Amino acid sequence: MNQRNSEFNTFVLGLIVGGILGTLYAPQKGEETRKMLKKLIEEWSEKGEDISEEVKQVFEEWKEKAEPVVEEIEEKIAPVAQKIKERTIEQITPIIEEVKEKAEPTAEKIETAPQEPAPPAPTVSKPYPEFRPIEPSRPKFFKGV
């Protein structure tokens, strides 16, 4: 999708640059070309403003149509979500208490255990003999080769 956008943007840019260059190099007087460009820019500016206003209007219409639907969905979902929340809390609370009770003796042992430093990591002076580089195998297309 991103590449399509990039290709489209490149096409539009080329179209605009080509139009400008074609207009500038047209066999007309410079004054006529400037007037034509000014008129063209004004027309495109007006069209752009019209299109942006239309888009805003359509967006506002969609928003107005969607708001009641969203509110209705929220009203229907809120009680269900509340029930689910309550049931989940009811089911999880005893499990949490049970885990706390079972973990308490272990936590006490950990807190009272003496702190001993970890043993140093072993050092390896020579590579292990069972590790050797893997040799690439040749594809065998014919038997005996």
N, C-alpha and C. Protein backbone atom coordinates (compact mmCIF):
# COMPACT_ATOMS: atom_id res chain seq x y z
N MET A 1 0.83 -1.19 0.00
CA MET A 1 0.00 0.00 0.00
C MET A 1 0.87 1.25 0.00
N ASN A 2 1.93 1.24 0.79
CA ASN A 2 2.80 2.39 0.89
C ASN A 2 3.49 2.66 -0.43
N GLN A 3 3.89 1.60 -1.13
CA GLN A 3 4.56 1.77 -2.41
C GLN A 3 3.60 2.34 -3.44
N ARG A 4 2.34 1.94 -3.41
CA ARG A 4 1.36 2.49 -4.34
C ARG A 4 1.19 3.98 -4.11
N ASN A 5 1.13 4.39 -2.84
CA ASN A 5 1.03 5.82 -2.53
C ASN A 5 2.24 6.56 -3.06
N SER A 6 3.42 5.97 -2.89
CA SER A 6 4.64 6.60 -3.35
C SER A 6 4.63 6.74 -4.87
N GLU A 7 4.19 5.69 -5.56
CA GLU A 7 4.13 5.74 -7.01
C GLU A 7 3.11 6.78 -7.47
N PHE A 8 1.98 6.86 -6.80
CA PHE A 8 0.96 7.83 -7.16
C PHE A 8 1.47 9.25 -6.91
N ASN A 9 2.13 9.46 -5.77
CA ASN A 9 2.67 10.78 -5.48
C ASN A 9 3.71 11.19 -6.52
N THR A 10 4.54 10.26 -6.94
CA THR A 10 5.53 10.54 -7.97
C THR A 10 4.84 10.91 -9.27
N PHE A 11 3.79 10.19 -9.62
CA PHE A 11 3.05 10.48 -10.85
C PHE A 11 2.45 11.88 -10.80
N VAL A 12 1.82 12.23 -9.69
CA VAL A 12 1.19 13.56 -9.56
C VAL A 12 2.25 14.65 -9.62
N LEU A 13 3.36 14.44 -8.95
CA LEU A 13 4.44 15.42 -8.99
C LEU A 13 4.95 15.61 -10.42
N GLY A 14 5.14 14.52 -11.13
CA GLY A 14 5.57 14.60 -12.53
C GLY A 14 4.56 15.32 -13.40
N LEU A 15 3.30 15.05 -13.14
CA LEU A 15 2.23 15.70 -13.89
C LEU A 15 2.26 17.22 -13.66
N ILE A 16 2.43 17.62 -12.42
CA ILE A 16 2.46 19.05 -12.11
C ILE A 16 3.69 19.71 -12.72
N VAL A 17 4.86 19.10 -12.53
CA VAL A 17 6.09 19.67 -13.08
C VAL A 17 6.01 19.73 -14.60
N GLY A 18 5.51 18.68 -15.22
CA GLY A 18 5.37 18.67 -16.68
C GLY A 18 4.43 19.75 -17.17
N GLY A 19 3.33 19.94 -16.47
CA GLY A 19 2.38 21.00 -16.85
C GLY A 19 3.00 22.37 -16.74
N ILE A 20 3.74 22.60 -15.66
CA ILE A 20 4.38 23.90 -15.48
C ILE A 20 5.44 24.14 -16.55
N LEU A 21 6.28 23.15 -16.80
CA LEU A 21 7.32 23.32 -17.81
C LEU A 21 6.72 23.49 -19.20
N GLY A 22 5.68 22.73 -19.49
CA GLY A 22 5.02 22.87 -20.79
C GLY A 22 4.42 24.24 -20.96
N THR A 23 3.86 24.77 -19.91
CA THR A 23 3.27 26.11 -19.98
C THR A 23 4.34 27.17 -20.14
N LEU A 24 5.45 27.02 -19.40
CA LEU A 24 6.51 28.02 -19.47
C LEU A 24 7.21 28.03 -20.83
N TYR A 25 7.32 26.89 -21.46
CA TYR A 25 8.01 26.82 -22.74
C TYR A 25 7.05 26.85 -23.93
N ALA A 26 5.81 27.19 -23.70
CA ALA A 26 4.83 27.27 -24.79
C ALA A 26 5.16 28.47 -25.67
N PRO A 27 4.81 28.40 -26.95
CA PRO A 27 5.12 29.51 -27.86
C PRO A 27 4.15 30.68 -27.69
N GLN A 28 4.19 31.31 -26.53
CA GLN A 28 3.38 32.49 -26.25
C GLN A 28 4.29 33.56 -25.67
N LYS A 29 3.78 34.75 -25.61
CA LYS A 29 4.54 35.82 -24.98
C LYS A 29 4.55 35.56 -23.47
N GLY A 30 5.60 36.03 -22.82
CA GLY A 30 5.74 35.83 -21.38
C GLY A 30 4.59 36.41 -20.60
N GLU A 31 4.09 37.57 -21.04
CA GLU A 31 2.99 38.21 -20.34
C GLU A 31 1.73 37.38 -20.43
N GLU A 32 1.47 36.82 -21.61
CA GLU A 32 0.29 35.97 -21.78
C GLU A 32 0.41 34.70 -20.93
N THR A 33 1.60 34.14 -20.90
CA THR A 33 1.83 32.92 -20.11
C THR A 33 1.61 33.20 -18.62
N ARG A 34 2.13 34.33 -18.14
CA ARG A 34 1.95 34.67 -16.73
C ARG A 34 0.48 34.87 -16.39
N LYS A 35 -0.26 35.55 -17.28
CA LYS A 35 -1.70 35.74 -17.05
C LYS A 35 -2.41 34.40 -17.01
N MET A 36 -2.05 33.53 -17.97
CA MET A 36 -2.67 32.21 -18.03
C MET A 36 -2.36 31.41 -16.75
N LEU A 37 -1.10 31.47 -16.29
CA LEU A 37 -0.72 30.75 -15.08
C LEU A 37 -1.47 31.31 -13.87
N LYS A 38 -1.56 32.63 -13.77
CA LYS A 38 -2.27 33.26 -12.66
C LYS A 38 -3.72 32.81 -12.64
N LYS A 39 -4.36 32.80 -13.82
CA LYS A 39 -5.76 32.38 -13.91
C LYS A 39 -5.90 30.90 -13.53
N LEU A 40 -4.97 30.08 -14.02
CA LEU A 40 -5.00 28.65 -13.72
C LEU A 40 -4.84 28.41 -12.22
N ILE A 41 -3.93 29.14 -11.59
CA ILE A 41 -3.71 28.97 -10.15
C ILE A 41 -4.95 29.40 -9.38
N GLU A 42 -5.59 30.48 -9.78
CA GLU A 42 -6.80 30.92 -9.11
C GLU A 42 -7.91 29.88 -9.24
N GLU A 43 -8.05 29.30 -10.44
CA GLU A 43 -9.08 28.28 -10.65
C GLU A 43 -8.83 27.06 -9.77
N TRP A 44 -7.59 26.61 -9.74
CA TRP A 44 -7.26 25.42 -8.94
C TRP A 44 -7.43 25.72 -7.45
N SER A 45 -7.09 26.93 -7.05
CA SER A 45 -7.26 27.31 -5.65
C SER A 45 -8.74 27.26 -5.27
N GLU A 46 -9.59 27.81 -6.13
CA GLU A 46 -11.03 27.79 -5.87
C GLU A 46 -11.56 26.35 -5.83
N LYS A 47 -11.10 25.54 -6.79
CA LYS A 47 -11.54 24.14 -6.80
C LYS A 47 -11.10 23.42 -5.53
N GLY A 48 -9.87 23.70 -5.09
CA GLY A 48 -9.37 23.08 -3.87
C GLY A 48 -10.19 23.47 -2.66
N GLU A 49 -10.56 24.75 -2.58
CA GLU A 49 -11.39 25.20 -1.47
C GLU A 49 -12.76 24.55 -1.52
N ASP A 50 -13.34 24.45 -2.73
CA ASP A 50 -14.65 23.81 -2.87
C ASP A 50 -14.60 22.35 -2.42
N ILE A 51 -13.56 21.66 -2.86
CA ILE A 51 -13.43 20.24 -2.51
C ILE A 51 -13.25 20.09 -1.00
N SER A 52 -12.43 20.94 -0.40
CA SER A 52 -12.22 20.82 1.05
C SER A 52 -13.52 21.09 1.81
N GLU A 53 -14.32 22.05 1.33
CA GLU A 53 -15.61 22.31 1.97
C GLU A 53 -16.55 21.11 1.84
N GLU A 54 -16.56 20.50 0.66
CA GLU A 54 -17.41 19.32 0.45
C GLU A 54 -16.98 18.19 1.37
N VAL A 55 -15.69 17.98 1.49
CA VAL A 55 -15.17 16.91 2.36
C VAL A 55 -15.56 17.18 3.80
N LYS A 56 -15.45 18.43 4.23
CA LYS A 56 -15.83 18.78 5.61
C LYS A 56 -17.32 18.50 5.83
N GLN A 57 -18.16 18.87 4.84
CA GLN A 57 -19.59 18.65 4.98
C GLN A 57 -19.91 17.17 5.07
N VAL A 58 -19.30 16.38 4.20
CA VAL A 58 -19.55 14.93 4.21
C VAL A 58 -19.10 14.34 5.55
N PHE A 59 -17.95 14.77 6.03
CA PHE A 59 -17.45 14.27 7.30
C PHE A 59 -18.40 14.62 8.44
N GLU A 60 -18.89 15.86 8.44
CA GLU A 60 -19.83 16.27 9.48
C GLU A 60 -21.12 15.46 9.41
N GLU A 61 -21.61 15.19 8.19
CA GLU A 61 -22.82 14.37 8.03
C GLU A 61 -22.60 12.97 8.59
N TRP A 62 -21.46 12.37 8.26
CA TRP A 62 -21.16 11.03 8.77
C TRP A 62 -21.07 11.06 10.29
N LYS A 63 -20.44 12.10 10.81
CA LYS A 63 -20.28 12.21 12.25
C LYS A 63 -21.65 12.32 12.92
N GLU A 64 -22.54 13.15 12.36
CA GLU A 64 -23.88 13.31 12.92
C GLU A 64 -24.67 12.02 12.87
N LYS A 65 -24.51 11.26 11.78
CA LYS A 65 -25.23 9.98 11.67
C LYS A 65 -24.65 8.94 12.62
N ALA A 66 -23.35 9.00 12.86
CA ALA A 66 -22.70 7.97 13.67
C ALA A 66 -22.89 8.20 15.17
N GLU A 67 -23.01 9.43 15.60
CA GLU A 67 -23.10 9.71 17.04
C GLU A 67 -24.25 8.99 17.73
N PRO A 68 -25.48 9.00 17.19
CA PRO A 68 -26.56 8.27 17.88
C PRO A 68 -26.30 6.76 17.93
N VAL A 69 -25.72 6.25 16.87
CA VAL A 69 -25.44 4.81 16.84
C VAL A 69 -24.40 4.46 17.91
N VAL A 70 -23.37 5.28 18.01
CA VAL A 70 -22.32 5.03 19.00
C VAL A 70 -22.89 5.13 20.41
N GLU A 71 -23.72 6.14 20.65
CA GLU A 71 -24.33 6.27 21.97
C GLU A 71 -25.21 5.08 22.31
N GLU A 72 -25.96 4.60 21.33
CA GLU A 72 -26.83 3.44 21.56
C GLU A 72 -26.00 2.20 21.89
N ILE A 73 -24.92 2.02 21.16
CA ILE A 73 -24.05 0.87 21.42
C ILE A 73 -23.43 0.97 22.81
N GLU A 74 -22.98 2.17 23.17
CA GLU A 74 -22.40 2.36 24.50
C GLU A 74 -23.41 2.05 25.59
N GLU A 75 -24.67 2.47 25.40
CA GLU A 75 -25.71 2.21 26.39
C GLU A 75 -25.98 0.72 26.53
N LYS A 76 -25.93 -0.01 25.43
CA LYS A 76 -26.19 -1.45 25.48
C LYS A 76 -25.00 -2.21 26.05
N ILE A 77 -23.81 -1.75 25.78
CA ILE A 77 -22.61 -2.48 26.20
C ILE A 77 -22.25 -2.20 27.66
N ALA A 78 -22.50 -1.00 28.15
CA ALA A 78 -22.07 -0.62 29.50
C ALA A 78 -22.56 -1.60 30.57
N PRO A 79 -23.84 -1.97 30.63
CA PRO A 79 -24.27 -2.92 31.67
C PRO A 79 -23.60 -4.29 31.53
N VAL A 80 -23.44 -4.73 30.31
CA VAL A 80 -22.81 -6.03 30.09
C VAL A 80 -21.35 -5.99 30.55
N ALA A 81 -20.66 -4.91 30.21
CA ALA A 81 -19.27 -4.77 30.63
C ALA A 81 -19.16 -4.72 32.15
N GLN A 82 -20.08 -4.05 32.80
CA GLN A 82 -20.07 -3.97 34.26
C GLN A 82 -20.29 -5.35 34.88
N LYS A 83 -21.22 -6.13 34.33
CA LYS A 83 -21.47 -7.49 34.84
C LYS A 83 -20.23 -8.36 34.67
N ILE A 84 -19.60 -8.24 33.51
CA ILE A 84 -18.39 -9.04 33.26
C ILE A 84 -17.30 -8.65 34.26
N LYS A 85 -17.15 -7.37 34.50
CA LYS A 85 -16.15 -6.90 35.46
C LYS A 85 -16.42 -7.45 36.85
N GLU A 86 -17.68 -7.39 37.29
CA GLU A 86 -18.04 -7.88 38.62
C GLU A 86 -17.80 -9.38 38.74
N ARG A 87 -18.21 -10.13 37.74
CA ARG A 87 -18.00 -11.59 37.78
C ARG A 87 -16.52 -11.94 37.79
N THR A 88 -15.74 -11.20 37.00
CA THR A 88 -14.31 -11.47 36.95
C THR A 88 -13.68 -11.21 38.32
N ILE A 89 -14.05 -10.12 38.94
CA ILE A 89 -13.51 -9.81 40.26
C ILE A 89 -13.93 -10.87 41.27
N GLU A 90 -15.18 -11.32 41.22
CA GLU A 90 -15.67 -12.36 42.13
C GLU A 90 -14.87 -13.65 41.96
N GLN A 91 -14.54 -14.00 40.72
CA GLN A 91 -13.83 -15.25 40.47
C GLN A 91 -12.34 -15.14 40.75
N ILE A 92 -11.76 -13.99 40.54
CA ILE A 92 -10.31 -13.85 40.70
C ILE A 92 -9.91 -13.61 42.14
N THR A 93 -10.73 -12.93 42.93
CA THR A 93 -10.38 -12.59 44.30
C THR A 93 -10.00 -13.82 45.15
N PRO A 94 -10.79 -14.91 45.13
CA PRO A 94 -10.36 -16.08 45.92
C PRO A 94 -9.04 -16.68 45.42
N ILE A 95 -8.83 -16.65 44.15
CA ILE A 95 -7.58 -17.20 43.59
C ILE A 95 -6.40 -16.36 44.05
N ILE A 96 -6.56 -15.06 44.03
CA ILE A 96 -5.48 -14.17 44.48
C ILE A 96 -5.16 -14.42 45.96
N GLU A 97 -6.18 -14.56 46.77
CA GLU A 97 -5.98 -14.81 48.20
C GLU A 97 -5.26 -16.14 48.42
N GLU A 98 -5.66 -17.15 47.67
CA GLU A 98 -5.02 -18.46 47.79
C GLU A 98 -3.55 -18.40 47.40
N VAL A 99 -3.25 -17.70 46.33
CA VAL A 99 -1.85 -17.58 45.89
C VAL A 99 -1.04 -16.82 46.94
N LYS A 100 -1.62 -15.78 47.52
CA LYS A 100 -0.92 -15.02 48.56
C LYS A 100 -0.60 -15.91 49.74
N GLU A 101 -1.57 -16.75 50.18
CA GLU A 101 -1.36 -17.64 51.32
C GLU A 101 -0.26 -18.65 51.04
N LYS A 102 -0.28 -19.20 49.82
CA LYS A 102 0.74 -20.21 49.50
C LYS A 102 2.12 -19.59 49.29
N ALA A 103 2.17 -18.34 48.84
CA ALA A 103 3.45 -17.70 48.56
C ALA A 103 4.07 -17.08 49.81
N GLU A 104 3.30 -16.89 50.86
CA GLU A 104 3.79 -16.21 52.06
C GLU A 104 4.96 -16.95 52.72
N PRO A 105 4.91 -18.28 52.93
CA PRO A 105 6.06 -18.96 53.55
C PRO A 105 7.32 -18.85 52.69
N THR A 106 7.15 -18.93 51.39
CA THR A 106 8.31 -18.83 50.50
C THR A 106 8.89 -17.43 50.56
N ALA A 107 8.06 -16.42 50.60
CA ALA A 107 8.54 -15.05 50.69
C ALA A 107 9.30 -14.83 51.99
N GLU A 108 8.81 -15.41 53.07
CA GLU A 108 9.50 -15.28 54.36
C GLU A 108 10.86 -15.96 54.30
N LYS A 109 10.94 -17.14 53.67
CA LYS A 109 12.22 -17.84 53.54
C LYS A 109 13.21 -17.00 52.73
N ILE A 110 12.72 -16.39 51.71
CA ILE A 110 13.60 -15.57 50.87
C ILE A 110 14.10 -14.37 51.65
N GLU A 111 13.24 -13.75 52.42
CA GLU A 111 13.64 -12.57 53.19
C GLU A 111 14.65 -12.92 54.28
N THR A 112 14.50 -14.09 54.89
CA THR A 112 15.39 -14.46 56.00
C THR A 112 16.63 -15.20 55.54
N ALA A 113 16.70 -15.61 54.30
CA ALA A 113 17.86 -16.36 53.81
C ALA A 113 19.08 -15.44 53.75
N PRO A 114 20.27 -16.01 54.11
CA PRO A 114 21.49 -15.19 54.03
C PRO A 114 21.81 -14.88 52.57
N GLN A 115 22.34 -13.69 52.36
CA GLN A 115 22.69 -13.27 51.01
C GLN A 115 24.10 -13.75 50.69
N GLU A 116 24.21 -14.70 49.76
CA GLU A 116 25.50 -15.22 49.37
C GLU A 116 25.80 -14.74 47.95
N PRO A 117 27.05 -14.39 47.71
CA PRO A 117 27.38 -13.96 46.35
C PRO A 117 27.31 -15.15 45.39
N ALA A 118 27.00 -14.87 44.16
CA ALA A 118 26.92 -15.92 43.15
C ALA A 118 28.31 -16.42 42.84
N PRO A 119 28.45 -17.72 42.55
CA PRO A 119 29.79 -18.24 42.22
C PRO A 119 30.27 -17.64 40.90
N PRO A 120 31.58 -17.49 40.75
CA PRO A 120 32.10 -16.91 39.51
C PRO A 120 31.83 -17.85 38.32
N ALA A 121 31.70 -17.28 37.17
CA ALA A 121 31.44 -18.05 35.97
C ALA A 121 32.71 -18.78 35.56
N PRO A 122 32.59 -20.03 35.10
CA PRO A 122 33.79 -20.78 34.70
C PRO A 122 34.40 -20.16 33.44
N THR A 123 35.73 -20.24 33.38
CA THR A 123 36.43 -19.74 32.21
C THR A 123 36.83 -20.92 31.35
N VAL A 124 36.86 -20.73 30.07
CA VAL A 124 37.21 -21.79 29.12
C VAL A 124 38.53 -21.40 28.48
N SER A 125 39.52 -22.25 28.65
CA SER A 125 40.82 -21.93 28.08
C SER A 125 40.95 -22.46 26.66
N LYS A 126 40.34 -23.62 26.38
CA LYS A 126 40.42 -24.21 25.05
C LYS A 126 39.00 -24.47 24.56
N PRO A 127 38.81 -24.39 23.26
CA PRO A 127 37.46 -24.71 22.76
C PRO A 127 37.18 -26.20 22.95
N TYR A 128 35.95 -26.51 23.11
CA TYR A 128 35.56 -27.89 23.29
C TYR A 128 35.85 -28.68 22.03
N PRO A 129 36.40 -29.91 22.17
CA PRO A 129 36.77 -30.68 20.98
C PRO A 129 35.56 -31.14 20.18
N GLU A 130 34.38 -31.29 20.81
CA GLU A 130 33.23 -31.78 20.05
C GLU A 130 32.64 -30.70 19.13
N PHE A 131 33.09 -29.46 19.30
CA PHE A 131 32.62 -28.40 18.42
C PHE A 131 33.63 -28.21 17.30
N ARG A 132 33.23 -28.46 16.11
CA ARG A 132 34.10 -28.21 14.97
C ARG A 132 33.26 -27.56 13.88
N PRO A 133 33.90 -26.83 13.01
CA PRO A 133 33.11 -26.14 11.99
C PRO A 133 32.39 -27.13 11.08
N ILE A 134 31.23 -26.74 10.66
CA ILE A 134 30.44 -27.58 9.77
C ILE A 134 30.91 -27.34 8.34
N GLU A 135 31.27 -28.43 7.69
CA GLU A 135 31.73 -28.31 6.31
C GLU A 135 30.52 -28.33 5.39
N PRO A 136 30.52 -27.45 4.40
CA PRO A 136 29.37 -27.43 3.48
C PRO A 136 29.31 -28.72 2.67
N SER A 137 28.13 -29.24 2.51
CA SER A 137 27.98 -30.48 1.73
C SER A 137 27.69 -30.11 0.30
N ARG A 138 28.21 -30.92 -0.62
CA ARG A 138 27.98 -30.70 -2.03
C ARG A 138 26.68 -31.40 -2.43
N PRO A 139 25.90 -30.75 -3.27
CA PRO A 139 24.70 -31.43 -3.74
C PRO A 139 25.09 -32.60 -4.64
N LYS A 140 24.44 -33.72 -4.44
CA LYS A 140 24.74 -34.91 -5.23
C LYS A 140 23.62 -35.12 -6.23
N PHE A 141 23.91 -34.77 -7.48
CA PHE A 141 22.91 -34.90 -8.52
C PHE A 141 22.95 -36.28 -9.18
N PHE A 142 24.14 -36.88 -9.17
CA PHE A 142 24.30 -38.18 -9.79
C PHE A 142 24.91 -39.12 -8.77
N LYS A 143 24.50 -40.37 -8.81
CA LYS A 143 25.05 -41.35 -7.90
C LYS A 143 26.52 -41.59 -8.22
N GLY A 144 27.31 -41.67 -7.19
CA GLY A 144 28.72 -41.98 -7.39
C GLY A 144 29.57 -40.75 -7.66
N VAL A 145 29.01 -39.62 -7.69
CA VAL A 145 29.83 -38.43 -7.98
C VAL A 145 30.24 -37.79 -6.69
